[in-house]
Amino acid sequence: MSLEKNLKQILENIESSKKKSSQGQSVELIAATKNQEISIIEECYQLGIKTIGENRVQESEEKFSSLPGCEKIKKRFIGHLQTNKVNKCLNIFDTVDSIDSLKLATKVNKTSKNINKKTECLIEVNTSGEPQKNGFSPKITDELISCFRLTDLNIVGLMTIGSNTNNEKTLRSTFVLLRELKHQINNELGSTILTELSMGMTNDYEIAIQEGSTMVRVGTGLFGARNY
């Protein structure tokens, strides 16, 4: 199946899932373009996809340097970011969607100040509790709230990766937990600072949308299985 047909099906699924959601949210499709050629990213843009997600700084730097019209595409960093790659990351990405510790948040904030850029960010939360995943625990803590006091970060939402399971009830609970945490943080801060929920990938984005996701990160569903 072609990229165009895959995209059409995904967009239909998104609309269907939105109708099953009680949140009334809009949903942005982020094309997860890890390992994809520049020509594929260009095709995505021509088909109307305006946002891509990458999770490797080095690979992305090489891609973006030779991508025509690169500035027209919103580039979100969605992988685990090492502190020694923050400088390079902020120079090539528009957002960091995976702030998974106060240490990383502080580094991104300092670098943002140095380059006179207020960086849009999402806080990554480990709602499944799986030890191989990064992120803050899904509760209000001093470290979590401290991130919002960093003046050169524009934290607009939360991100999570669903449970590695086929059990829909368990999977759905990880998305509900993130939605509830968003409300808790906004209440704690006394303002509706957080508006975005980035949750849902190829295998679970429909459930995530039903539970309030505003951003879904889809790779395999668009491009087919990756060849490693």
N, C-alpha and C. Protein backbone atom coordinates (compact mmCIF):
# COMPACT_ATOMS: atom_id res chain seq x y z
N MET A 1 0.85 -1.19 0.00
CA MET A 1 0.00 0.00 0.00
C MET A 1 0.88 1.25 0.00
N SER A 2 0.48 2.27 -0.75
CA SER A 2 1.29 3.47 -0.89
C SER A 2 1.17 4.38 0.33
N LEU A 3 2.12 5.30 0.45
CA LEU A 3 2.10 6.27 1.53
C LEU A 3 0.80 7.06 1.50
N GLU A 4 0.36 7.44 0.32
CA GLU A 4 -0.87 8.23 0.21
C GLU A 4 -2.08 7.46 0.74
N LYS A 5 -2.16 6.17 0.39
CA LYS A 5 -3.29 5.35 0.86
C LYS A 5 -3.20 5.11 2.36
N ASN A 6 -1.98 4.88 2.85
CA ASN A 6 -1.80 4.70 4.29
C ASN A 6 -2.24 5.95 5.05
N LEU A 7 -1.84 7.12 4.53
CA LEU A 7 -2.19 8.38 5.18
C LEU A 7 -3.70 8.57 5.18
N LYS A 8 -4.33 8.28 4.08
CA LYS A 8 -5.80 8.42 3.99
C LYS A 8 -6.49 7.57 5.05
N GLN A 9 -6.02 6.33 5.21
CA GLN A 9 -6.61 5.43 6.20
C GLN A 9 -6.39 5.94 7.62
N ILE A 10 -5.18 6.43 7.89
CA ILE A 10 -4.87 6.95 9.22
C ILE A 10 -5.72 8.16 9.55
N LEU A 11 -5.88 9.06 8.60
CA LEU A 11 -6.69 10.25 8.83
C LEU A 11 -8.15 9.88 9.07
N GLU A 12 -8.63 8.87 8.38
CA GLU A 12 -9.99 8.39 8.61
C GLU A 12 -10.12 7.80 10.02
N ASN A 13 -9.10 7.05 10.43
CA ASN A 13 -9.10 6.47 11.77
C ASN A 13 -9.07 7.54 12.85
N ILE A 14 -8.30 8.58 12.59
CA ILE A 14 -8.22 9.69 13.54
C ILE A 14 -9.59 10.35 13.71
N GLU A 15 -10.25 10.62 12.61
CA GLU A 15 -11.56 11.26 12.68
C GLU A 15 -12.58 10.38 13.39
N SER A 16 -12.54 9.09 13.09
CA SER A 16 -13.45 8.15 13.74
C SER A 16 -13.20 8.10 15.26
N SER A 17 -11.93 8.10 15.64
CA SER A 17 -11.57 8.04 17.06
C SER A 17 -11.94 9.31 17.80
N LYS A 18 -11.82 10.46 17.12
CA LYS A 18 -12.21 11.73 17.74
C LYS A 18 -13.69 11.73 18.10
N LYS A 19 -14.49 11.10 17.28
CA LYS A 19 -15.93 11.05 17.53
C LYS A 19 -16.25 10.20 18.76
N LYS A 20 -15.32 9.30 19.11
CA LYS A 20 -15.52 8.44 20.27
C LYS A 20 -14.92 9.05 21.54
N SER A 21 -14.29 10.20 21.39
CA SER A 21 -13.67 10.87 22.53
C SER A 21 -14.64 11.89 23.13
N SER A 22 -14.63 12.01 24.44
CA SER A 22 -15.47 13.00 25.12
C SER A 22 -14.73 14.32 25.31
N GLN A 23 -13.49 14.39 24.83
CA GLN A 23 -12.64 15.55 25.10
C GLN A 23 -12.81 16.68 24.09
N GLY A 24 -13.33 16.37 22.91
CA GLY A 24 -13.56 17.39 21.89
C GLY A 24 -12.30 18.04 21.37
N GLN A 25 -11.20 17.29 21.34
CA GLN A 25 -9.91 17.87 21.00
C GLN A 25 -9.62 17.77 19.49
N SER A 26 -8.72 18.64 19.05
CA SER A 26 -8.14 18.48 17.72
C SER A 26 -6.93 17.55 17.86
N VAL A 27 -6.55 16.90 16.76
CA VAL A 27 -5.47 15.93 16.81
C VAL A 27 -4.49 16.19 15.67
N GLU A 28 -3.22 16.31 16.02
CA GLU A 28 -2.16 16.52 15.03
C GLU A 28 -1.45 15.20 14.76
N LEU A 29 -1.27 14.90 13.49
CA LEU A 29 -0.52 13.71 13.08
C LEU A 29 0.95 14.08 12.94
N ILE A 30 1.80 13.39 13.70
CA ILE A 30 3.25 13.56 13.59
C ILE A 30 3.80 12.34 12.88
N ALA A 31 4.43 12.54 11.74
CA ALA A 31 5.04 11.43 11.01
C ALA A 31 6.38 11.10 11.66
N ALA A 32 6.49 9.90 12.22
CA ALA A 32 7.73 9.47 12.85
C ALA A 32 8.66 8.95 11.75
N THR A 33 9.62 9.79 11.35
CA THR A 33 10.39 9.55 10.13
C THR A 33 11.77 8.96 10.36
N LYS A 34 11.97 8.35 11.53
CA LYS A 34 13.24 7.67 11.80
C LYS A 34 13.55 6.68 10.68
N ASN A 35 14.78 6.73 10.18
CA ASN A 35 15.28 5.82 9.13
C ASN A 35 14.65 6.06 7.75
N GLN A 36 13.82 7.09 7.62
CA GLN A 36 13.21 7.37 6.32
C GLN A 36 14.07 8.32 5.50
N GLU A 37 14.09 8.09 4.20
CA GLU A 37 14.88 8.92 3.29
C GLU A 37 14.26 10.32 3.15
N ILE A 38 15.09 11.25 2.71
CA ILE A 38 14.63 12.63 2.51
C ILE A 38 13.47 12.68 1.53
N SER A 39 13.52 11.85 0.50
CA SER A 39 12.45 11.84 -0.51
C SER A 39 11.10 11.47 0.11
N ILE A 40 11.12 10.60 1.10
CA ILE A 40 9.89 10.21 1.78
C ILE A 40 9.35 11.36 2.61
N ILE A 41 10.24 12.08 3.29
CA ILE A 41 9.82 13.25 4.07
C ILE A 41 9.22 14.31 3.14
N GLU A 42 9.83 14.49 1.99
CA GLU A 42 9.29 15.44 1.02
C GLU A 42 7.90 15.02 0.55
N GLU A 43 7.72 13.72 0.34
CA GLU A 43 6.41 13.22 -0.08
C GLU A 43 5.37 13.45 1.01
N CYS A 44 5.77 13.23 2.26
CA CYS A 44 4.86 13.49 3.38
C CYS A 44 4.37 14.94 3.35
N TYR A 45 5.31 15.85 3.13
CA TYR A 45 4.96 17.27 3.11
C TYR A 45 4.00 17.58 1.96
N GLN A 46 4.28 17.01 0.80
CA GLN A 46 3.42 17.23 -0.36
C GLN A 46 2.01 16.69 -0.13
N LEU A 47 1.90 15.66 0.71
CA LEU A 47 0.60 15.07 1.01
C LEU A 47 -0.12 15.78 2.15
N GLY A 48 0.53 16.80 2.70
CA GLY A 48 -0.14 17.62 3.71
C GLY A 48 0.33 17.43 5.13
N ILE A 49 1.31 16.56 5.35
CA ILE A 49 1.85 16.38 6.70
C ILE A 49 2.86 17.49 6.97
N LYS A 50 2.60 18.29 7.97
CA LYS A 50 3.44 19.46 8.26
C LYS A 50 4.37 19.28 9.44
N THR A 51 4.27 18.14 10.13
CA THR A 51 5.09 17.92 11.32
C THR A 51 5.71 16.53 11.28
N ILE A 52 7.01 16.46 11.56
CA ILE A 52 7.68 15.16 11.63
C ILE A 52 8.34 15.01 12.99
N GLY A 53 8.56 13.77 13.38
CA GLY A 53 9.25 13.48 14.63
C GLY A 53 10.45 12.59 14.37
N GLU A 54 11.56 12.95 14.96
CA GLU A 54 12.79 12.16 14.83
C GLU A 54 13.35 11.91 16.23
N ASN A 55 14.11 10.82 16.39
CA ASN A 55 14.64 10.53 17.71
C ASN A 55 16.15 10.31 17.75
N ARG A 56 16.83 10.71 16.69
CA ARG A 56 18.29 10.65 16.69
C ARG A 56 18.84 11.97 16.19
N VAL A 57 19.61 12.63 17.04
CA VAL A 57 20.11 13.96 16.70
C VAL A 57 21.05 13.90 15.50
N GLN A 58 22.00 12.97 15.51
CA GLN A 58 22.99 12.90 14.44
C GLN A 58 22.35 12.61 13.09
N GLU A 59 21.48 11.62 13.05
CA GLU A 59 20.79 11.27 11.80
C GLU A 59 19.97 12.45 11.29
N SER A 60 19.30 13.14 12.20
CA SER A 60 18.44 14.25 11.82
C SER A 60 19.25 15.42 11.27
N GLU A 61 20.40 15.69 11.87
CA GLU A 61 21.24 16.80 11.41
C GLU A 61 21.63 16.58 9.95
N GLU A 62 22.01 15.38 9.63
CA GLU A 62 22.40 15.06 8.25
C GLU A 62 21.23 15.18 7.30
N LYS A 63 20.07 14.71 7.72
CA LYS A 63 18.86 14.80 6.88
C LYS A 63 18.47 16.24 6.61
N PHE A 64 18.33 17.00 7.70
CA PHE A 64 17.78 18.35 7.59
C PHE A 64 18.69 19.28 6.80
N SER A 65 19.99 19.01 6.82
CA SER A 65 20.92 19.88 6.11
C SER A 65 20.73 19.80 4.60
N SER A 66 20.14 18.71 4.12
CA SER A 66 19.93 18.56 2.67
C SER A 66 18.46 18.43 2.31
N LEU A 67 17.58 18.83 3.23
CA LEU A 67 16.15 18.75 2.97
C LEU A 67 15.64 20.09 2.44
N PRO A 68 15.21 20.13 1.18
CA PRO A 68 14.70 21.39 0.62
C PRO A 68 13.48 21.88 1.40
N GLY A 69 13.43 23.16 1.66
CA GLY A 69 12.29 23.71 2.38
C GLY A 69 12.16 23.20 3.79
N CYS A 70 13.27 22.85 4.38
CA CYS A 70 13.28 22.26 5.73
C CYS A 70 12.55 23.14 6.74
N GLU A 71 12.65 24.46 6.58
CA GLU A 71 12.07 25.38 7.56
C GLU A 71 10.54 25.36 7.53
N LYS A 72 9.95 24.81 6.47
CA LYS A 72 8.48 24.75 6.37
C LYS A 72 7.88 23.61 7.18
N ILE A 73 8.71 22.66 7.55
CA ILE A 73 8.24 21.49 8.29
C ILE A 73 8.57 21.67 9.77
N LYS A 74 7.60 21.43 10.64
CA LYS A 74 7.87 21.49 12.08
C LYS A 74 8.56 20.21 12.49
N LYS A 75 9.69 20.37 13.16
CA LYS A 75 10.54 19.21 13.49
C LYS A 75 10.55 19.02 15.00
N ARG A 76 9.98 17.90 15.44
CA ARG A 76 9.86 17.60 16.86
C ARG A 76 10.85 16.50 17.22
N PHE A 77 11.62 16.72 18.29
CA PHE A 77 12.51 15.66 18.77
C PHE A 77 11.73 14.80 19.74
N ILE A 78 11.59 13.50 19.44
CA ILE A 78 10.70 12.63 20.21
C ILE A 78 11.44 11.49 20.91
N GLY A 79 12.76 11.45 20.79
CA GLY A 79 13.52 10.36 21.40
C GLY A 79 14.16 10.76 22.72
N HIS A 80 14.91 9.84 23.28
CA HIS A 80 15.64 10.13 24.52
C HIS A 80 16.82 11.05 24.19
N LEU A 81 16.87 12.19 24.85
CA LEU A 81 17.89 13.19 24.56
C LEU A 81 18.97 13.17 25.64
N GLN A 82 20.21 12.92 25.20
CA GLN A 82 21.34 12.97 26.12
C GLN A 82 21.74 14.43 26.31
N THR A 83 22.15 14.77 27.54
CA THR A 83 22.46 16.16 27.82
C THR A 83 23.61 16.69 26.96
N ASN A 84 24.54 15.81 26.55
CA ASN A 84 25.66 16.29 25.73
C ASN A 84 25.26 16.58 24.28
N LYS A 85 24.01 16.30 23.93
CA LYS A 85 23.54 16.58 22.57
C LYS A 85 22.48 17.67 22.53
N VAL A 86 22.27 18.32 23.66
CA VAL A 86 21.23 19.35 23.74
C VAL A 86 21.53 20.51 22.81
N ASN A 87 22.77 21.00 22.80
CA ASN A 87 23.12 22.15 21.95
C ASN A 87 22.78 21.89 20.49
N LYS A 88 23.22 20.75 20.00
CA LYS A 88 22.98 20.41 18.60
C LYS A 88 21.48 20.22 18.34
N CYS A 89 20.80 19.58 19.29
CA CYS A 89 19.37 19.32 19.13
C CYS A 89 18.58 20.62 18.98
N LEU A 90 18.87 21.60 19.83
CA LEU A 90 18.11 22.84 19.79
C LEU A 90 18.38 23.66 18.53
N ASN A 91 19.51 23.41 17.92
CA ASN A 91 19.83 24.13 16.68
C ASN A 91 19.09 23.58 15.47
N ILE A 92 18.61 22.34 15.56
CA ILE A 92 17.97 21.75 14.38
C ILE A 92 16.51 21.38 14.59
N PHE A 93 16.05 21.32 15.84
CA PHE A 93 14.66 20.96 16.11
C PHE A 93 13.87 22.15 16.64
N ASP A 94 12.57 22.14 16.37
CA ASP A 94 11.68 23.19 16.84
C ASP A 94 11.17 22.91 18.25
N THR A 95 11.06 21.64 18.61
CA THR A 95 10.57 21.28 19.93
C THR A 95 11.35 20.09 20.50
N VAL A 96 11.29 19.96 21.80
CA VAL A 96 11.80 18.75 22.47
C VAL A 96 10.61 18.13 23.20
N ASP A 97 10.16 16.98 22.73
CA ASP A 97 8.95 16.36 23.26
C ASP A 97 9.24 15.31 24.32
N SER A 98 10.47 15.26 24.80
CA SER A 98 10.86 14.15 25.68
C SER A 98 11.73 14.64 26.84
N ILE A 99 11.27 15.69 27.52
CA ILE A 99 11.95 16.16 28.73
C ILE A 99 11.63 15.16 29.84
N ASP A 100 12.59 14.31 30.18
CA ASP A 100 12.30 13.19 31.07
C ASP A 100 12.93 13.32 32.46
N SER A 101 13.56 14.47 32.74
CA SER A 101 14.16 14.69 34.06
C SER A 101 14.38 16.18 34.27
N LEU A 102 14.50 16.58 35.53
CA LEU A 102 14.81 17.98 35.83
C LEU A 102 16.20 18.34 35.33
N LYS A 103 17.12 17.40 35.39
CA LYS A 103 18.47 17.63 34.88
C LYS A 103 18.44 18.01 33.41
N LEU A 104 17.69 17.26 32.61
CA LEU A 104 17.60 17.57 31.18
C LEU A 104 16.87 18.89 30.97
N ALA A 105 15.80 19.11 31.71
CA ALA A 105 15.06 20.37 31.58
C ALA A 105 15.96 21.57 31.86
N THR A 106 16.78 21.45 32.89
CA THR A 106 17.69 22.54 33.26
C THR A 106 18.71 22.80 32.17
N LYS A 107 19.23 21.74 31.58
CA LYS A 107 20.20 21.87 30.49
C LYS A 107 19.57 22.52 29.26
N VAL A 108 18.37 22.07 28.90
CA VAL A 108 17.67 22.66 27.75
C VAL A 108 17.37 24.12 28.02
N ASN A 109 16.97 24.44 29.24
CA ASN A 109 16.68 25.83 29.60
C ASN A 109 17.93 26.71 29.49
N LYS A 110 19.06 26.23 30.00
CA LYS A 110 20.31 27.00 29.95
C LYS A 110 20.74 27.23 28.51
N THR A 111 20.67 26.18 27.70
CA THR A 111 21.07 26.30 26.29
C THR A 111 20.13 27.24 25.55
N SER A 112 18.84 27.15 25.85
CA SER A 112 17.86 28.04 25.21
C SER A 112 18.17 29.50 25.51
N LYS A 113 18.52 29.77 26.75
CA LYS A 113 18.85 31.14 27.14
C LYS A 113 20.08 31.62 26.38
N ASN A 114 21.07 30.73 26.24
CA ASN A 114 22.31 31.10 25.56
C ASN A 114 22.10 31.42 24.09
N ILE A 115 21.13 30.76 23.47
CA ILE A 115 20.89 31.02 22.03
C ILE A 115 19.67 31.91 21.81
N ASN A 116 19.18 32.50 22.91
CA ASN A 116 18.06 33.44 22.85
C ASN A 116 16.83 32.81 22.18
N LYS A 117 16.47 31.63 22.67
CA LYS A 117 15.35 30.89 22.11
C LYS A 117 14.53 30.29 23.25
N LYS A 118 13.24 30.54 23.25
CA LYS A 118 12.37 29.89 24.23
C LYS A 118 11.88 28.59 23.60
N THR A 119 12.30 27.48 24.13
CA THR A 119 12.08 26.19 23.48
C THR A 119 10.75 25.55 23.90
N GLU A 120 9.95 25.22 22.90
CA GLU A 120 8.71 24.49 23.16
C GLU A 120 9.05 23.06 23.58
N CYS A 121 8.41 22.60 24.65
CA CYS A 121 8.73 21.28 25.19
C CYS A 121 7.47 20.53 25.63
N LEU A 122 7.62 19.22 25.70
CA LEU A 122 6.66 18.35 26.37
C LEU A 122 7.41 17.61 27.47
N ILE A 123 6.75 17.36 28.57
CA ILE A 123 7.31 16.57 29.65
C ILE A 123 6.96 15.10 29.40
N GLU A 124 7.98 14.23 29.41
CA GLU A 124 7.73 12.80 29.22
C GLU A 124 7.43 12.15 30.57
N VAL A 125 6.36 11.36 30.58
CA VAL A 125 5.92 10.69 31.81
C VAL A 125 5.84 9.19 31.56
N ASN A 126 6.36 8.43 32.48
CA ASN A 126 6.33 6.97 32.37
C ASN A 126 5.05 6.46 33.04
N THR A 127 3.94 6.46 32.31
CA THR A 127 2.66 6.09 32.89
C THR A 127 2.49 4.58 33.02
N SER A 128 3.31 3.81 32.32
CA SER A 128 3.19 2.35 32.39
C SER A 128 3.99 1.76 33.54
N GLY A 129 4.98 2.52 34.02
CA GLY A 129 5.84 2.02 35.08
C GLY A 129 6.85 0.99 34.61
N GLU A 130 6.96 0.83 33.30
CA GLU A 130 7.91 -0.16 32.76
C GLU A 130 9.33 0.37 32.90
N PRO A 131 10.23 -0.43 33.48
CA PRO A 131 11.57 0.07 33.84
C PRO A 131 12.43 0.47 32.65
N GLN A 132 12.13 -0.04 31.46
CA GLN A 132 12.96 0.29 30.30
C GLN A 132 12.59 1.65 29.70
N LYS A 133 11.55 2.28 30.23
CA LYS A 133 11.10 3.56 29.68
C LYS A 133 11.57 4.72 30.55
N ASN A 134 11.80 5.84 29.89
CA ASN A 134 12.22 7.05 30.57
C ASN A 134 11.01 7.88 30.97
N GLY A 135 11.24 8.86 31.81
CA GLY A 135 10.17 9.80 32.13
C GLY A 135 9.94 9.98 33.62
N PHE A 136 9.24 11.08 33.93
CA PHE A 136 8.84 11.35 35.31
C PHE A 136 7.78 10.33 35.73
N SER A 137 7.69 10.09 37.04
CA SER A 137 6.60 9.26 37.53
C SER A 137 5.30 10.05 37.42
N PRO A 138 4.17 9.37 37.24
CA PRO A 138 2.90 10.07 36.99
C PRO A 138 2.24 10.63 38.24
N LYS A 139 2.93 11.55 38.89
CA LYS A 139 2.40 12.19 40.09
C LYS A 139 3.08 13.54 40.26
N ILE A 140 2.47 14.39 41.05
CA ILE A 140 3.04 15.70 41.33
C ILE A 140 4.24 15.56 42.27
N THR A 141 5.40 16.01 41.82
CA THR A 141 6.61 16.00 42.65
C THR A 141 7.28 17.36 42.54
N ASP A 142 8.19 17.64 43.47
CA ASP A 142 8.93 18.90 43.44
C ASP A 142 9.75 19.02 42.16
N GLU A 143 10.37 17.92 41.75
CA GLU A 143 11.19 17.94 40.54
C GLU A 143 10.34 18.27 39.31
N LEU A 144 9.16 17.65 39.23
CA LEU A 144 8.28 17.91 38.09
C LEU A 144 7.85 19.37 38.06
N ILE A 145 7.39 19.88 39.16
CA ILE A 145 6.92 21.27 39.21
C ILE A 145 8.06 22.26 38.97
N SER A 146 9.27 21.87 39.39
CA SER A 146 10.43 22.76 39.18
C SER A 146 10.68 23.02 37.69
N CYS A 147 10.32 22.09 36.85
CA CYS A 147 10.51 22.29 35.40
C CYS A 147 9.74 23.51 34.91
N PHE A 148 8.59 23.77 35.51
CA PHE A 148 7.74 24.87 35.06
C PHE A 148 8.24 26.23 35.54
N ARG A 149 9.25 26.22 36.39
CA ARG A 149 9.83 27.48 36.86
C ARG A 149 11.01 27.91 35.99
N LEU A 150 11.37 27.09 35.02
CA LEU A 150 12.49 27.41 34.13
C LEU A 150 11.97 28.35 33.05
N THR A 151 12.53 29.55 33.01
CA THR A 151 11.92 30.64 32.25
C THR A 151 12.14 30.57 30.75
N ASP A 152 13.09 29.74 30.30
CA ASP A 152 13.34 29.68 28.86
C ASP A 152 12.79 28.41 28.22
N LEU A 153 11.90 27.74 28.94
CA LEU A 153 11.16 26.62 28.39
C LEU A 153 9.69 27.02 28.25
N ASN A 154 9.09 26.60 27.15
CA ASN A 154 7.65 26.78 26.96
C ASN A 154 7.03 25.39 26.98
N ILE A 155 6.70 24.93 28.20
CA ILE A 155 6.16 23.57 28.35
C ILE A 155 4.67 23.61 28.07
N VAL A 156 4.25 22.94 27.00
CA VAL A 156 2.86 23.03 26.55
C VAL A 156 2.05 21.77 26.79
N GLY A 157 2.73 20.67 27.18
CA GLY A 157 1.97 19.44 27.36
C GLY A 157 2.81 18.30 27.89
N LEU A 158 2.22 17.11 27.86
CA LEU A 158 2.84 15.89 28.35
C LEU A 158 2.91 14.85 27.25
N MET A 159 3.86 13.94 27.38
CA MET A 159 4.02 12.85 26.42
C MET A 159 4.20 11.54 27.17
N THR A 160 3.65 10.46 26.61
CA THR A 160 3.91 9.14 27.16
C THR A 160 3.93 8.11 26.04
N ILE A 161 4.50 6.96 26.36
CA ILE A 161 4.47 5.79 25.48
C ILE A 161 3.61 4.75 26.17
N GLY A 162 2.62 4.24 25.47
CA GLY A 162 1.67 3.31 26.05
C GLY A 162 2.34 2.02 26.51
N SER A 163 1.63 1.28 27.34
CA SER A 163 2.13 0.00 27.84
C SER A 163 2.42 -0.96 26.70
N ASN A 164 3.44 -1.76 26.88
CA ASN A 164 3.79 -2.79 25.90
C ASN A 164 2.91 -4.02 26.14
N THR A 165 1.66 -3.92 25.71
CA THR A 165 0.69 -4.97 25.99
C THR A 165 -0.41 -4.97 24.93
N ASN A 166 -1.07 -6.08 24.79
CA ASN A 166 -2.24 -6.16 23.92
C ASN A 166 -3.54 -6.04 24.71
N ASN A 167 -3.40 -5.86 26.03
CA ASN A 167 -4.56 -5.72 26.88
C ASN A 167 -5.09 -4.29 26.80
N GLU A 168 -6.24 -4.13 26.17
CA GLU A 168 -6.74 -2.78 25.91
C GLU A 168 -7.02 -2.01 27.20
N LYS A 169 -7.53 -2.69 28.21
CA LYS A 169 -7.83 -2.01 29.47
C LYS A 169 -6.57 -1.45 30.11
N THR A 170 -5.51 -2.26 30.11
CA THR A 170 -4.23 -1.81 30.67
C THR A 170 -3.66 -0.66 29.86
N LEU A 171 -3.72 -0.77 28.54
CA LEU A 171 -3.20 0.26 27.65
C LEU A 171 -3.97 1.56 27.83
N ARG A 172 -5.26 1.45 27.85
CA ARG A 172 -6.11 2.64 28.00
C ARG A 172 -5.82 3.37 29.32
N SER A 173 -5.53 2.59 30.36
CA SER A 173 -5.29 3.19 31.67
C SER A 173 -4.05 4.09 31.67
N THR A 174 -3.05 3.75 30.84
CA THR A 174 -1.85 4.59 30.79
C THR A 174 -2.14 5.95 30.16
N PHE A 175 -3.10 5.97 29.24
CA PHE A 175 -3.48 7.23 28.60
C PHE A 175 -4.38 8.07 29.51
N VAL A 176 -5.29 7.39 30.21
CA VAL A 176 -6.14 8.08 31.18
C VAL A 176 -5.28 8.72 32.26
N LEU A 177 -4.25 8.02 32.69
CA LEU A 177 -3.37 8.53 33.74
C LEU A 177 -2.68 9.81 33.30
N LEU A 178 -2.24 9.87 32.04
CA LEU A 178 -1.58 11.09 31.55
C LEU A 178 -2.57 12.24 31.47
N ARG A 179 -3.77 11.97 31.01
CA ARG A 179 -4.79 13.02 30.93
C ARG A 179 -5.11 13.57 32.32
N GLU A 180 -5.23 12.69 33.29
CA GLU A 180 -5.52 13.13 34.65
C GLU A 180 -4.37 13.92 35.25
N LEU A 181 -3.13 13.50 34.92
CA LEU A 181 -1.97 14.24 35.43
C LEU A 181 -1.92 15.64 34.86
N LYS A 182 -2.30 15.78 33.60
CA LYS A 182 -2.34 17.12 32.99
C LYS A 182 -3.26 18.04 33.79
N HIS A 183 -4.42 17.55 34.15
CA HIS A 183 -5.36 18.36 34.94
C HIS A 183 -4.79 18.67 36.32
N GLN A 184 -4.12 17.69 36.92
CA GLN A 184 -3.54 17.89 38.25
C GLN A 184 -2.45 18.96 38.23
N ILE A 185 -1.62 18.92 37.19
CA ILE A 185 -0.54 19.91 37.08
C ILE A 185 -1.12 21.30 36.87
N ASN A 186 -2.10 21.41 35.98
CA ASN A 186 -2.73 22.72 35.74
C ASN A 186 -3.36 23.26 37.02
N ASN A 187 -3.98 22.39 37.80
CA ASN A 187 -4.56 22.82 39.08
C ASN A 187 -3.47 23.26 40.06
N GLU A 188 -2.38 22.52 40.08
CA GLU A 188 -1.26 22.85 40.98
C GLU A 188 -0.66 24.20 40.62
N LEU A 189 -0.56 24.48 39.32
CA LEU A 189 0.05 25.72 38.85
C LEU A 189 -0.95 26.87 38.84
N GLY A 190 -2.24 26.55 38.96
CA GLY A 190 -3.26 27.59 38.98
C GLY A 190 -3.51 28.22 37.64
N SER A 191 -3.18 27.49 36.57
CA SER A 191 -3.35 28.03 35.22
C SER A 191 -3.38 26.89 34.21
N THR A 192 -4.08 27.09 33.12
CA THR A 192 -4.14 26.06 32.08
C THR A 192 -2.91 26.18 31.18
N ILE A 193 -1.78 25.83 31.74
CA ILE A 193 -0.52 25.89 31.00
C ILE A 193 -0.42 24.73 30.01
N LEU A 194 -0.82 23.57 30.47
CA LEU A 194 -0.71 22.36 29.63
C LEU A 194 -1.98 22.16 28.81
N THR A 195 -1.81 22.10 27.50
CA THR A 195 -2.95 21.88 26.61
C THR A 195 -2.78 20.65 25.72
N GLU A 196 -1.53 20.15 25.61
CA GLU A 196 -1.26 19.06 24.67
C GLU A 196 -1.00 17.73 25.39
N LEU A 197 -1.48 16.65 24.77
CA LEU A 197 -1.18 15.29 25.22
C LEU A 197 -0.67 14.51 24.01
N SER A 198 0.62 14.22 24.00
CA SER A 198 1.21 13.44 22.92
C SER A 198 1.24 11.99 23.37
N MET A 199 0.29 11.21 22.87
CA MET A 199 0.22 9.80 23.25
C MET A 199 -0.46 9.02 22.13
N GLY A 200 0.09 7.84 21.88
CA GLY A 200 -0.43 7.01 20.81
C GLY A 200 0.53 6.91 19.66
N MET A 201 0.83 5.66 19.28
CA MET A 201 1.67 5.39 18.11
C MET A 201 0.90 4.42 17.20
N THR A 202 1.58 3.82 16.25
CA THR A 202 0.90 3.04 15.23
C THR A 202 -0.10 2.03 15.80
N ASN A 203 0.30 1.32 16.85
CA ASN A 203 -0.54 0.23 17.35
C ASN A 203 -1.63 0.66 18.32
N ASP A 204 -1.56 1.92 18.79
CA ASP A 204 -2.53 2.29 19.82
C ASP A 204 -3.06 3.72 19.72
N TYR A 205 -2.82 4.39 18.58
CA TYR A 205 -3.20 5.80 18.51
C TYR A 205 -4.72 6.01 18.56
N GLU A 206 -5.50 5.04 18.09
CA GLU A 206 -6.95 5.20 18.12
C GLU A 206 -7.46 5.21 19.56
N ILE A 207 -6.95 4.32 20.39
CA ILE A 207 -7.31 4.30 21.80
C ILE A 207 -6.84 5.59 22.49
N ALA A 208 -5.63 6.02 22.15
CA ALA A 208 -5.08 7.24 22.75
C ALA A 208 -5.95 8.46 22.43
N ILE A 209 -6.42 8.55 21.21
CA ILE A 209 -7.28 9.67 20.81
C ILE A 209 -8.60 9.62 21.59
N GLN A 210 -9.14 8.44 21.74
CA GLN A 210 -10.38 8.29 22.50
C GLN A 210 -10.22 8.79 23.92
N GLU A 211 -8.98 8.72 24.44
CA GLU A 211 -8.72 9.16 25.81
C GLU A 211 -8.14 10.57 25.89
N GLY A 212 -8.12 11.29 24.77
CA GLY A 212 -7.78 12.71 24.82
C GLY A 212 -6.50 13.13 24.15
N SER A 213 -5.82 12.24 23.44
CA SER A 213 -4.57 12.61 22.79
C SER A 213 -4.79 13.74 21.78
N THR A 214 -3.85 14.69 21.76
CA THR A 214 -3.90 15.78 20.78
C THR A 214 -2.79 15.64 19.73
N MET A 215 -1.87 14.70 19.96
CA MET A 215 -0.79 14.43 19.01
C MET A 215 -0.54 12.93 18.97
N VAL A 216 -0.49 12.38 17.77
CA VAL A 216 -0.14 10.96 17.63
C VAL A 216 1.10 10.83 16.76
N ARG A 217 1.99 9.92 17.14
CA ARG A 217 3.27 9.74 16.48
C ARG A 217 3.23 8.43 15.70
N VAL A 218 3.11 8.52 14.39
CA VAL A 218 2.89 7.31 13.59
C VAL A 218 4.02 7.13 12.58
N GLY A 219 4.68 5.98 12.64
CA GLY A 219 5.75 5.66 11.71
C GLY A 219 5.40 4.46 10.86
N THR A 220 5.37 3.28 11.48
CA THR A 220 5.10 2.04 10.76
C THR A 220 3.77 2.08 10.03
N GLY A 221 2.75 2.68 10.64
CA GLY A 221 1.44 2.77 10.00
C GLY A 221 1.46 3.56 8.71
N LEU A 222 2.38 4.51 8.63
CA LEU A 222 2.52 5.31 7.41
C LEU A 222 3.45 4.66 6.39
N PHE A 223 4.60 4.19 6.87
CA PHE A 223 5.69 3.80 5.97
C PHE A 223 5.87 2.30 5.85
N GLY A 224 5.18 1.52 6.66
CA GLY A 224 5.40 0.08 6.67
C GLY A 224 6.51 -0.27 7.67
N ALA A 225 6.72 -1.56 7.86
CA ALA A 225 7.73 -2.02 8.82
C ALA A 225 9.11 -1.55 8.42
N ARG A 226 9.90 -1.13 9.42
CA ARG A 226 11.25 -0.65 9.15
C ARG A 226 12.17 -1.80 8.82
N ASN A 227 13.13 -1.52 7.96
CA ASN A 227 14.17 -2.51 7.65
C ASN A 227 15.43 -2.14 8.43
N TYR A 228 15.84 -2.97 9.36
CA TYR A 228 17.04 -2.70 10.16
C TYR A 228 18.21 -3.49 9.62
